N, C-alpha and C. Protein backbone atom coordinates (compact mmCIF):
# COMPACT_ATOMS: atom_id res chain seq x y z
N MET A 1 96.80 85.93 195.77
CA MET A 1 95.76 85.16 195.10
C MET A 1 95.90 83.66 195.33
N ALA A 2 97.09 83.20 195.70
CA ALA A 2 97.27 81.77 195.94
C ALA A 2 96.31 81.28 197.02
N GLY A 3 95.96 82.15 197.95
CA GLY A 3 95.02 81.77 199.00
C GLY A 3 93.61 81.60 198.50
N ASP A 4 93.32 82.06 197.29
CA ASP A 4 91.98 81.91 196.72
C ASP A 4 91.81 80.61 195.94
N VAL A 5 92.90 79.87 195.73
CA VAL A 5 92.82 78.60 195.00
C VAL A 5 92.01 77.60 195.81
N ARG A 6 91.11 76.91 195.13
CA ARG A 6 90.29 75.89 195.77
C ARG A 6 90.58 74.54 195.11
N ILE A 7 91.01 73.57 195.93
CA ILE A 7 91.34 72.24 195.43
C ILE A 7 90.32 71.25 195.98
N PHE A 8 89.53 70.70 195.07
CA PHE A 8 88.55 69.66 195.43
C PHE A 8 88.22 68.88 194.17
N PRO A 9 87.64 67.68 194.30
CA PRO A 9 87.34 66.87 193.11
C PRO A 9 86.46 67.62 192.11
N LEU A 10 86.75 67.43 190.84
CA LEU A 10 85.98 68.06 189.78
C LEU A 10 84.52 67.62 189.91
N ARG A 11 83.63 68.58 189.91
CA ARG A 11 82.22 68.29 190.12
C ARG A 11 81.54 67.91 188.81
N GLY A 12 80.92 66.74 188.79
CA GLY A 12 80.22 66.29 187.61
C GLY A 12 81.17 65.83 186.51
N THR A 13 80.58 65.40 185.42
CA THR A 13 81.35 64.97 184.25
C THR A 13 81.31 66.08 183.21
N PRO A 14 82.46 66.54 182.74
CA PRO A 14 82.47 67.63 181.76
C PRO A 14 81.78 67.22 180.45
N ASP A 15 81.15 68.19 179.81
CA ASP A 15 80.64 68.01 178.45
C ASP A 15 81.59 68.62 177.43
N HIS A 16 82.31 69.66 177.87
CA HIS A 16 83.24 70.35 176.98
C HIS A 16 84.52 70.69 177.73
N VAL A 17 85.62 70.54 177.03
CA VAL A 17 86.93 70.90 177.58
C VAL A 17 87.61 71.82 176.58
N ALA A 18 88.35 72.77 177.09
CA ALA A 18 89.09 73.68 176.22
C ALA A 18 90.55 73.71 176.65
N ALA A 19 91.39 74.15 175.75
CA ALA A 19 92.79 74.40 176.06
C ALA A 19 93.14 75.77 175.51
N ALA A 20 94.04 76.46 176.18
CA ALA A 20 94.48 77.77 175.73
C ALA A 20 95.99 77.82 175.74
N ASP A 21 96.56 78.39 174.68
CA ASP A 21 98.01 78.48 174.56
C ASP A 21 98.34 79.74 173.77
N ALA A 22 99.58 80.20 173.89
CA ALA A 22 99.99 81.43 173.22
C ALA A 22 101.35 81.27 172.58
N SER A 23 101.52 81.93 171.43
CA SER A 23 102.82 82.05 170.77
C SER A 23 103.15 83.53 170.66
N PHE A 24 104.44 83.82 170.38
CA PHE A 24 104.88 85.20 170.31
C PHE A 24 105.60 85.46 168.99
N ALA A 25 105.23 86.57 168.35
CA ALA A 25 105.93 87.04 167.17
C ALA A 25 106.51 88.40 167.54
N GLY A 26 107.73 88.40 168.01
CA GLY A 26 108.30 89.61 168.59
C GLY A 26 107.59 89.91 169.88
N ASP A 27 107.00 91.10 169.99
CA ASP A 27 106.24 91.43 171.19
C ASP A 27 104.74 91.26 171.00
N MET A 28 104.36 90.65 169.86
CA MET A 28 102.94 90.37 169.61
C MET A 28 102.56 89.01 170.18
N VAL A 29 101.43 88.96 170.86
CA VAL A 29 100.93 87.72 171.46
C VAL A 29 99.82 87.17 170.58
N ILE A 30 99.92 85.88 170.27
CA ILE A 30 98.87 85.18 169.52
C ILE A 30 98.31 84.11 170.46
N ALA A 31 97.15 84.41 171.04
CA ALA A 31 96.53 83.49 171.98
C ALA A 31 95.40 82.73 171.31
N VAL A 32 95.34 81.44 171.56
CA VAL A 32 94.34 80.56 170.95
C VAL A 32 93.64 79.75 172.03
N ALA A 33 92.33 79.67 171.94
CA ALA A 33 91.54 78.77 172.78
C ALA A 33 90.83 77.79 171.86
N SER A 34 90.99 76.50 172.13
CA SER A 34 90.40 75.45 171.30
C SER A 34 89.42 74.65 172.14
N LEU A 35 88.23 74.46 171.62
CA LEU A 35 87.14 73.81 172.34
C LEU A 35 86.87 72.43 171.76
N PHE A 36 86.71 71.44 172.66
CA PHE A 36 86.45 70.06 172.27
C PHE A 36 85.29 69.50 173.08
N THR A 37 84.58 68.52 172.49
CA THR A 37 83.62 67.77 173.28
C THR A 37 84.38 66.82 174.20
N TYR A 38 83.74 66.46 175.31
CA TYR A 38 84.34 65.53 176.27
C TYR A 38 83.28 64.49 176.61
N PRO A 39 83.61 63.22 176.58
CA PRO A 39 84.95 62.64 176.43
C PRO A 39 85.34 62.27 174.99
N GLU A 40 84.51 62.62 173.99
CA GLU A 40 84.76 62.14 172.64
C GLU A 40 85.98 62.78 171.99
N MET A 41 86.35 63.97 172.46
CA MET A 41 87.47 64.73 171.89
C MET A 41 87.21 65.11 170.44
N ARG A 42 86.00 65.64 170.20
CA ARG A 42 85.67 66.16 168.87
C ARG A 42 85.88 67.67 168.88
N HIS A 43 86.71 68.15 167.97
CA HIS A 43 87.00 69.58 167.91
C HIS A 43 85.76 70.35 167.45
N ILE A 44 85.45 71.44 168.15
CA ILE A 44 84.27 72.25 167.82
C ILE A 44 84.67 73.55 167.15
N LYS A 45 85.47 74.35 167.85
CA LYS A 45 85.85 75.64 167.27
C LYS A 45 87.06 76.22 168.01
N ASP A 46 87.57 77.33 167.48
CA ASP A 46 88.69 78.03 168.08
C ASP A 46 88.35 79.51 168.22
N SER A 47 89.02 80.14 169.17
CA SER A 47 88.89 81.57 169.37
C SER A 47 90.30 82.15 169.48
N ILE A 48 90.52 83.30 168.88
CA ILE A 48 91.86 83.88 168.80
C ILE A 48 91.85 85.29 169.37
N ALA A 49 92.90 85.63 170.09
CA ALA A 49 93.08 87.00 170.60
C ALA A 49 94.51 87.43 170.30
N LEU A 50 94.64 88.62 169.74
CA LEU A 50 95.95 89.16 169.40
C LEU A 50 96.19 90.46 170.15
N GLY A 51 97.46 90.77 170.40
CA GLY A 51 97.79 92.03 171.04
C GLY A 51 99.26 92.13 171.38
N LYS A 52 99.64 93.28 171.84
CA LYS A 52 101.03 93.54 172.17
C LYS A 52 101.28 93.22 173.64
N ALA A 53 102.31 92.42 173.91
CA ALA A 53 102.66 92.07 175.28
C ALA A 53 103.10 93.32 176.04
N ARG A 54 102.61 93.45 177.26
CA ARG A 54 102.95 94.62 178.08
C ARG A 54 103.74 94.23 179.32
N PHE A 55 104.17 92.97 179.36
CA PHE A 55 104.93 92.48 180.51
C PHE A 55 106.05 91.61 179.98
N PRO A 56 107.26 91.73 180.50
CA PRO A 56 108.38 90.94 179.98
C PRO A 56 108.26 89.47 180.36
N TYR A 57 109.05 88.64 179.70
CA TYR A 57 109.08 87.22 180.06
C TYR A 57 109.84 87.06 181.37
N VAL A 58 109.15 86.56 182.39
CA VAL A 58 109.75 86.28 183.69
C VAL A 58 109.31 84.88 184.09
N PRO A 59 110.23 83.92 184.20
CA PRO A 59 109.83 82.56 184.59
C PRO A 59 109.02 82.57 185.87
N GLY A 60 107.91 81.86 185.86
CA GLY A 60 107.05 81.79 187.04
C GLY A 60 105.99 82.86 187.09
N LEU A 61 106.03 83.82 186.17
CA LEU A 61 105.03 84.89 186.14
C LEU A 61 104.38 84.99 184.76
N LEU A 62 104.09 83.83 184.17
CA LEU A 62 103.56 83.81 182.81
C LEU A 62 102.20 84.48 182.69
N PHE A 63 101.40 84.45 183.75
CA PHE A 63 100.07 85.03 183.65
C PHE A 63 100.14 86.49 183.23
N PHE A 64 101.07 87.23 183.77
CA PHE A 64 101.10 88.67 183.51
C PHE A 64 101.47 88.99 182.07
N ARG A 65 102.10 88.04 181.40
CA ARG A 65 102.46 88.21 179.99
C ARG A 65 101.40 87.64 179.06
N GLU A 66 100.88 86.46 179.39
CA GLU A 66 99.96 85.76 178.51
C GLU A 66 98.50 85.84 178.95
N GLY A 67 98.30 85.96 180.26
CA GLY A 67 96.97 85.82 180.83
C GLY A 67 95.88 86.69 180.22
N PRO A 68 96.11 88.00 180.03
CA PRO A 68 95.05 88.83 179.47
C PRO A 68 94.59 88.37 178.09
N PHE A 69 95.51 87.86 177.28
CA PHE A 69 95.16 87.42 175.93
C PHE A 69 94.50 86.04 175.96
N LEU A 70 94.98 85.16 176.82
CA LEU A 70 94.34 83.85 176.97
C LEU A 70 92.90 84.02 177.48
N THR A 71 92.71 84.97 178.39
CA THR A 71 91.37 85.24 178.92
C THR A 71 90.43 85.70 177.81
N ARG A 72 90.90 86.62 176.96
CA ARG A 72 90.08 87.10 175.84
C ARG A 72 89.74 85.97 174.88
N ALA A 73 90.73 85.13 174.59
CA ALA A 73 90.49 84.02 173.67
C ALA A 73 89.44 83.07 174.24
N LEU A 74 89.55 82.72 175.50
CA LEU A 74 88.60 81.78 176.11
C LEU A 74 87.20 82.38 176.18
N ARG A 75 87.12 83.66 176.47
CA ARG A 75 85.81 84.31 176.55
C ARG A 75 85.18 84.51 175.19
N GLY A 76 85.96 84.30 174.13
CA GLY A 76 85.44 84.38 172.78
C GLY A 76 84.77 83.11 172.29
N LEU A 77 84.85 82.04 173.08
CA LEU A 77 84.20 80.78 172.70
C LEU A 77 82.69 80.88 172.90
N ASP A 78 81.92 80.31 171.98
CA ASP A 78 80.45 80.36 172.09
C ASP A 78 79.94 79.51 173.24
N ILE A 79 80.64 78.43 173.54
CA ILE A 79 80.26 77.52 174.61
C ILE A 79 81.27 77.65 175.74
N VAL A 80 80.79 77.81 176.95
CA VAL A 80 81.69 77.91 178.09
C VAL A 80 82.17 76.51 178.45
N PRO A 81 83.48 76.25 178.42
CA PRO A 81 83.98 74.91 178.75
C PRO A 81 83.78 74.59 180.23
N ASP A 82 83.70 73.32 180.52
CA ASP A 82 83.55 72.88 181.91
C ASP A 82 84.90 72.81 182.63
N VAL A 83 85.97 72.69 181.87
CA VAL A 83 87.32 72.66 182.43
C VAL A 83 88.28 73.12 181.33
N VAL A 84 89.35 73.80 181.74
CA VAL A 84 90.31 74.34 180.79
C VAL A 84 91.71 73.82 181.11
N LEU A 85 92.42 73.37 180.08
CA LEU A 85 93.80 72.91 180.22
C LEU A 85 94.75 74.00 179.75
N PHE A 86 95.89 74.11 180.44
CA PHE A 86 96.92 75.08 180.08
C PHE A 86 98.27 74.40 180.00
N ASP A 87 99.08 74.85 179.05
CA ASP A 87 100.46 74.37 178.93
C ASP A 87 101.29 75.13 179.96
N GLY A 88 101.20 74.70 181.20
CA GLY A 88 101.89 75.38 182.29
C GLY A 88 101.55 74.70 183.60
N GLN A 89 101.91 75.34 184.68
CA GLN A 89 101.72 74.75 186.00
C GLN A 89 100.42 75.23 186.65
N GLY A 90 99.90 74.38 187.52
CA GLY A 90 98.79 74.78 188.39
C GLY A 90 99.38 75.20 189.73
N ILE A 91 99.15 74.36 190.76
CA ILE A 91 99.71 74.68 192.08
C ILE A 91 101.14 74.18 192.24
N ALA A 92 101.66 73.43 191.26
CA ALA A 92 103.05 72.96 191.32
C ALA A 92 103.97 74.10 190.89
N HIS A 93 104.05 75.09 191.75
CA HIS A 93 104.67 76.37 191.43
C HIS A 93 105.25 76.95 192.72
N PRO A 94 106.38 77.65 192.63
CA PRO A 94 107.00 78.17 193.87
C PRO A 94 106.05 79.00 194.73
N ARG A 95 105.12 79.70 194.10
CA ARG A 95 104.16 80.52 194.85
C ARG A 95 102.81 79.81 195.00
N GLY A 96 102.71 78.57 194.49
CA GLY A 96 101.44 77.86 194.53
C GLY A 96 100.42 78.44 193.58
N LEU A 97 100.89 79.25 192.61
CA LEU A 97 99.98 79.96 191.72
C LEU A 97 100.58 80.05 190.33
N GLY A 98 100.64 78.89 189.64
CA GLY A 98 101.11 78.89 188.27
C GLY A 98 100.04 79.43 187.33
N LEU A 99 100.36 79.43 186.04
CA LEU A 99 99.46 79.99 185.05
C LEU A 99 98.05 79.40 185.13
N ALA A 100 97.96 78.06 185.24
CA ALA A 100 96.65 77.41 185.26
C ALA A 100 95.85 77.80 186.50
N ALA A 101 96.51 77.89 187.64
CA ALA A 101 95.82 78.29 188.87
C ALA A 101 95.35 79.74 188.78
N HIS A 102 96.23 80.61 188.31
CA HIS A 102 95.90 82.02 188.18
C HIS A 102 94.72 82.21 187.22
N MET A 103 94.76 81.52 186.08
CA MET A 103 93.69 81.63 185.10
C MET A 103 92.38 81.08 185.66
N GLY A 104 92.44 79.99 186.41
CA GLY A 104 91.24 79.43 186.99
C GLY A 104 90.53 80.40 187.91
N ILE A 105 91.30 81.13 188.71
CA ILE A 105 90.71 82.12 189.61
C ILE A 105 90.09 83.26 188.81
N VAL A 106 90.83 83.77 187.83
CA VAL A 106 90.33 84.89 187.02
C VAL A 106 89.04 84.50 186.29
N LEU A 107 89.01 83.29 185.73
CA LEU A 107 87.86 82.84 184.95
C LEU A 107 86.76 82.24 185.82
N ASN A 108 87.09 81.93 187.06
CA ASN A 108 86.16 81.28 187.99
C ASN A 108 85.65 79.97 187.40
N MET A 109 86.59 79.13 186.96
CA MET A 109 86.21 77.84 186.40
C MET A 109 87.32 76.81 186.68
N PRO A 110 86.99 75.53 186.62
CA PRO A 110 88.01 74.50 186.83
C PRO A 110 89.14 74.61 185.81
N SER A 111 90.36 74.47 186.28
CA SER A 111 91.52 74.59 185.40
C SER A 111 92.58 73.59 185.80
N ILE A 112 93.36 73.17 184.81
CA ILE A 112 94.39 72.15 185.02
C ILE A 112 95.66 72.58 184.30
N GLY A 113 96.78 72.42 184.97
CA GLY A 113 98.07 72.65 184.34
C GLY A 113 98.64 71.35 183.82
N CYS A 114 99.12 71.35 182.58
CA CYS A 114 99.74 70.16 181.99
C CYS A 114 101.02 70.62 181.31
N ALA A 115 102.12 70.54 182.04
CA ALA A 115 103.40 71.08 181.57
C ALA A 115 104.29 69.98 181.02
N LYS A 116 105.17 70.38 180.10
CA LYS A 116 106.09 69.41 179.50
C LYS A 116 107.26 69.09 180.43
N SER A 117 107.53 69.97 181.41
CA SER A 117 108.67 69.75 182.30
C SER A 117 108.31 70.17 183.72
N ARG A 118 109.10 69.71 184.65
CA ARG A 118 108.88 70.02 186.07
C ARG A 118 109.41 71.40 186.39
N LEU A 119 108.68 72.12 187.22
CA LEU A 119 109.16 73.41 187.72
C LEU A 119 109.72 73.24 189.13
N ILE A 120 108.97 72.59 189.99
CA ILE A 120 109.43 72.28 191.35
C ILE A 120 108.94 70.88 191.70
N GLY A 121 109.46 70.36 192.83
CA GLY A 121 108.94 69.12 193.37
C GLY A 121 109.83 67.91 193.13
N GLN A 122 109.48 66.84 193.81
CA GLN A 122 110.20 65.58 193.74
C GLN A 122 109.21 64.47 193.41
N PHE A 123 109.68 63.44 192.71
CA PHE A 123 108.77 62.38 192.30
C PHE A 123 109.52 61.09 192.06
N ARG A 124 108.76 60.01 192.06
CA ARG A 124 109.25 58.70 191.65
C ARG A 124 108.81 58.49 190.21
N GLU A 125 109.73 58.06 189.38
CA GLU A 125 109.42 57.85 187.96
C GLU A 125 108.25 56.86 187.82
N PRO A 126 107.19 57.24 187.10
CA PRO A 126 106.08 56.30 186.92
C PRO A 126 106.45 55.18 185.97
N GLY A 127 105.58 54.17 185.89
CA GLY A 127 105.79 53.09 184.93
C GLY A 127 105.83 53.62 183.52
N MET A 128 106.25 52.78 182.59
CA MET A 128 106.48 53.21 181.21
C MET A 128 105.26 53.04 180.30
N THR A 129 104.14 52.56 180.86
CA THR A 129 102.94 52.32 180.06
C THR A 129 101.98 53.50 180.14
N LYS A 130 101.32 53.79 179.03
CA LYS A 130 100.33 54.87 179.02
C LYS A 130 99.33 54.68 180.14
N GLY A 131 99.12 55.75 180.91
CA GLY A 131 98.20 55.70 182.04
C GLY A 131 98.90 55.56 183.38
N ASP A 132 100.16 55.14 183.38
CA ASP A 132 100.92 55.06 184.63
C ASP A 132 101.21 56.48 185.14
N TRP A 133 101.15 56.67 186.45
CA TRP A 133 101.48 57.98 187.01
C TRP A 133 101.91 57.86 188.47
N SER A 134 102.58 58.87 188.93
CA SER A 134 103.02 58.94 190.32
C SER A 134 102.81 60.36 190.82
N TYR A 135 102.78 60.52 192.14
CA TYR A 135 102.57 61.85 192.71
C TYR A 135 103.83 62.71 192.60
N LEU A 136 103.62 63.99 192.41
CA LEU A 136 104.68 64.99 192.48
C LEU A 136 104.53 65.67 193.84
N TYR A 137 105.60 65.64 194.63
CA TYR A 137 105.57 66.20 195.98
C TYR A 137 106.31 67.53 196.01
N GLY A 138 105.83 68.43 196.86
CA GLY A 138 106.52 69.68 197.06
C GLY A 138 107.90 69.45 197.66
N ASN A 139 108.78 70.39 197.49
CA ASN A 139 110.13 70.25 198.04
C ASN A 139 110.09 70.22 199.56
N GLY A 140 110.93 69.39 200.13
CA GLY A 140 111.00 69.29 201.58
C GLY A 140 110.45 67.98 202.10
N GLN A 141 111.03 67.49 203.15
CA GLN A 141 110.63 66.21 203.73
C GLN A 141 109.21 66.30 204.28
N GLY A 142 108.42 65.29 204.01
CA GLY A 142 107.06 65.24 204.51
C GLY A 142 106.10 66.15 203.79
N SER A 143 106.48 66.65 202.63
CA SER A 143 105.62 67.58 201.90
C SER A 143 104.43 66.85 201.28
N SER A 144 103.39 67.58 200.99
CA SER A 144 102.17 67.01 200.43
C SER A 144 102.25 66.97 198.91
N PRO A 145 101.45 66.11 198.27
CA PRO A 145 101.43 66.09 196.80
C PRO A 145 100.93 67.42 196.23
N ILE A 146 101.57 67.86 195.18
CA ILE A 146 101.15 69.09 194.51
C ILE A 146 100.79 68.84 193.04
N GLY A 147 100.91 67.59 192.62
CA GLY A 147 100.60 67.26 191.24
C GLY A 147 100.91 65.80 190.96
N ALA A 148 101.01 65.49 189.67
CA ALA A 148 101.26 64.12 189.26
C ALA A 148 102.18 64.10 188.05
N VAL A 149 102.94 63.03 187.94
CA VAL A 149 103.82 62.80 186.79
C VAL A 149 103.15 61.70 185.98
N VAL A 150 102.67 62.03 184.79
CA VAL A 150 101.73 61.17 184.07
C VAL A 150 102.32 60.70 182.74
N ARG A 151 102.26 59.40 182.51
CA ARG A 151 102.72 58.82 181.25
C ARG A 151 101.53 58.81 180.28
N THR A 152 101.49 59.78 179.40
CA THR A 152 100.37 59.88 178.45
C THR A 152 100.59 59.05 177.19
N LYS A 153 101.81 58.57 177.00
CA LYS A 153 102.13 57.72 175.84
C LYS A 153 103.20 56.72 176.26
N THR A 154 102.98 55.48 175.93
CA THR A 154 103.91 54.41 176.33
C THR A 154 105.33 54.69 175.83
N LEU A 155 106.27 54.54 176.75
CA LEU A 155 107.70 54.68 176.48
C LEU A 155 108.14 56.11 176.12
N LYS A 156 107.26 57.08 176.33
CA LYS A 156 107.61 58.48 176.10
C LYS A 156 107.74 59.22 177.43
N ARG A 157 108.39 60.37 177.39
CA ARG A 157 108.56 61.16 178.59
C ARG A 157 107.19 61.54 179.17
N PRO A 158 107.07 61.62 180.49
CA PRO A 158 105.78 61.98 181.09
C PRO A 158 105.52 63.47 181.00
N VAL A 159 104.29 63.86 181.29
CA VAL A 159 103.94 65.27 181.45
C VAL A 159 103.69 65.51 182.94
N PHE A 160 103.74 66.78 183.33
CA PHE A 160 103.60 67.15 184.73
C PHE A 160 102.26 67.87 184.92
N VAL A 161 101.36 67.18 185.59
CA VAL A 161 99.98 67.63 185.74
C VAL A 161 99.77 68.15 187.15
N SER A 162 99.15 69.32 187.26
CA SER A 162 98.80 69.81 188.60
C SER A 162 97.48 70.57 188.53
N PRO A 163 96.65 70.41 189.55
CA PRO A 163 95.37 71.13 189.55
C PRO A 163 95.61 72.63 189.60
N GLY A 164 94.75 73.35 188.88
CA GLY A 164 94.83 74.79 188.93
C GLY A 164 93.85 75.36 189.93
N HIS A 165 92.57 75.13 189.69
CA HIS A 165 91.51 75.70 190.53
C HIS A 165 90.26 74.86 190.35
N MET A 166 89.55 74.60 191.45
CA MET A 166 88.26 73.90 191.42
C MET A 166 88.38 72.48 190.86
N THR A 167 89.51 71.84 191.10
CA THR A 167 89.72 70.44 190.78
C THR A 167 90.80 69.92 191.71
N ASP A 168 91.12 68.62 191.63
CA ASP A 168 92.19 68.07 192.46
C ASP A 168 93.12 67.23 191.59
N ILE A 169 94.11 66.61 192.22
CA ILE A 169 95.12 65.87 191.45
C ILE A 169 94.49 64.72 190.69
N GLU A 170 93.70 63.91 191.36
CA GLU A 170 93.13 62.73 190.71
C GLU A 170 92.19 63.12 189.57
N SER A 171 91.37 64.13 189.78
CA SER A 171 90.48 64.60 188.71
C SER A 171 91.28 65.12 187.53
N SER A 172 92.36 65.83 187.83
CA SER A 172 93.21 66.40 186.77
C SER A 172 93.84 65.30 185.94
N VAL A 173 94.34 64.26 186.60
CA VAL A 173 94.94 63.13 185.88
C VAL A 173 93.90 62.46 184.99
N ARG A 174 92.71 62.27 185.52
CA ARG A 174 91.64 61.61 184.76
C ARG A 174 91.30 62.41 183.50
N VAL A 175 91.18 63.72 183.62
CA VAL A 175 90.84 64.55 182.46
C VAL A 175 91.98 64.53 181.44
N VAL A 176 93.21 64.68 181.91
CA VAL A 176 94.36 64.67 181.00
C VAL A 176 94.44 63.35 180.25
N MET A 177 94.24 62.24 180.93
CA MET A 177 94.32 60.95 180.25
C MET A 177 93.18 60.77 179.25
N GLN A 178 92.00 61.30 179.54
CA GLN A 178 90.90 61.20 178.59
C GLN A 178 91.20 62.04 177.34
N CYS A 179 91.96 63.12 177.53
CA CYS A 179 92.32 64.01 176.42
C CYS A 179 93.55 63.53 175.66
N ALA A 180 94.23 62.52 176.19
CA ALA A 180 95.46 62.03 175.56
C ALA A 180 95.10 61.11 174.40
N GLY A 181 95.57 61.46 173.22
CA GLY A 181 95.31 60.63 172.05
C GLY A 181 96.55 59.88 171.63
N ARG A 182 96.98 60.07 170.38
CA ARG A 182 98.13 59.34 169.86
C ARG A 182 99.45 60.00 170.23
N PHE A 183 99.38 61.19 170.80
CA PHE A 183 100.59 61.94 171.07
C PHE A 183 100.79 62.14 172.57
N ARG A 184 101.99 62.57 172.93
CA ARG A 184 102.33 62.79 174.34
C ARG A 184 101.52 63.93 174.95
N ILE A 185 101.31 65.00 174.18
CA ILE A 185 100.59 66.16 174.67
C ILE A 185 99.09 65.95 174.48
N PRO A 186 98.26 66.22 175.50
CA PRO A 186 96.81 66.05 175.34
C PRO A 186 96.28 66.81 174.13
N GLU A 187 95.32 66.23 173.44
CA GLU A 187 94.89 66.73 172.14
C GLU A 187 94.45 68.20 172.16
N PRO A 188 93.65 68.66 173.11
CA PRO A 188 93.27 70.09 173.07
C PRO A 188 94.47 71.02 173.20
N VAL A 189 95.42 70.69 174.07
CA VAL A 189 96.61 71.52 174.24
C VAL A 189 97.45 71.50 172.98
N ARG A 190 97.61 70.32 172.42
CA ARG A 190 98.38 70.18 171.18
C ARG A 190 97.74 70.97 170.05
N TYR A 191 96.43 70.91 169.95
CA TYR A 191 95.72 71.61 168.87
C TYR A 191 95.91 73.12 169.00
N ALA A 192 95.72 73.66 170.21
CA ALA A 192 95.88 75.10 170.42
C ALA A 192 97.30 75.55 170.14
N ASP A 193 98.27 74.73 170.53
CA ASP A 193 99.68 75.05 170.29
C ASP A 193 99.98 75.09 168.79
N ILE A 194 99.52 74.08 168.06
CA ILE A 194 99.78 74.02 166.61
C ILE A 194 99.15 75.23 165.91
N LEU A 195 97.92 75.57 166.29
CA LEU A 195 97.25 76.69 165.64
C LEU A 195 97.95 78.01 165.95
N SER A 196 98.35 78.22 167.20
CA SER A 196 99.03 79.47 167.54
C SER A 196 100.35 79.60 166.81
N ARG A 197 101.07 78.50 166.63
CA ARG A 197 102.33 78.54 165.91
C ARG A 197 102.11 78.78 164.40
N ARG A 198 101.04 78.21 163.88
CA ARG A 198 100.74 78.45 162.47
C ARG A 198 100.40 79.92 162.22
N LEU A 199 99.61 80.50 163.11
CA LEU A 199 99.28 81.91 162.98
C LEU A 199 100.52 82.79 163.12
N LYS A 200 101.44 82.36 163.98
CA LYS A 200 102.70 83.10 164.14
C LYS A 200 103.49 83.09 162.83
N ARG A 201 103.58 81.93 162.18
CA ARG A 201 104.30 81.84 160.90
C ARG A 201 103.64 82.72 159.85
N GLU A 202 102.32 82.69 159.80
CA GLU A 202 101.60 83.50 158.82
C GLU A 202 101.80 84.99 159.08
N MET A 203 101.84 85.37 160.34
CA MET A 203 102.04 86.77 160.69
C MET A 203 103.44 87.23 160.27
N LYS A 204 104.43 86.38 160.52
CA LYS A 204 105.79 86.73 160.15
C LYS A 204 105.95 86.79 158.63
N ALA A 205 105.25 85.93 157.90
CA ALA A 205 105.35 85.91 156.44
C ALA A 205 104.78 87.19 155.84
N ARG A 206 103.84 87.83 156.54
CA ARG A 206 103.24 89.06 156.02
C ARG A 206 104.08 90.31 156.32
N GLN A 207 105.05 90.15 157.23
CA GLN A 207 105.84 91.32 157.63
C GLN A 207 106.87 91.69 156.54
């Protein structure tokens, strides 16, 4: 499927952006999709999908564990987002097919990976001011850029942004920075993460 990934500038200006994230309560998956207006970042609604994981946790193969539930959550939104953010990698992945790239192909929509840490690649540390960024290069001399290292909050650790599908590095950085509010993690991703964790706590409290 990595050969099906298409990298090109994001077409048009998005009206809506969504983020999808999942938490786990034992082998139960709690997937959340959160929808926001763009560029205002006004929260509209959330969609939730629950179910039992049928694939073990294997680093680099998150789609097979989370993907079916994230797909259901995103398809439960009343408005189809123009671009979707994921807490994971896009093409900055050993197989060139991280969670965001895989999800973009399955959903046939623009997708962006925004991870808290690097999986592969080499980079020069960006400046310390919000908005500073540098390219993330694939391993090996003369390799091409596969993403960006982006400072979403001044003096805080950067996030690792890589295009998933139907977007490119520069477009991905632009969307992530527009979604960056007062915190290091872009607001839609942060919102989906907080909600999934809250639902996890509530589920455990009922057990």
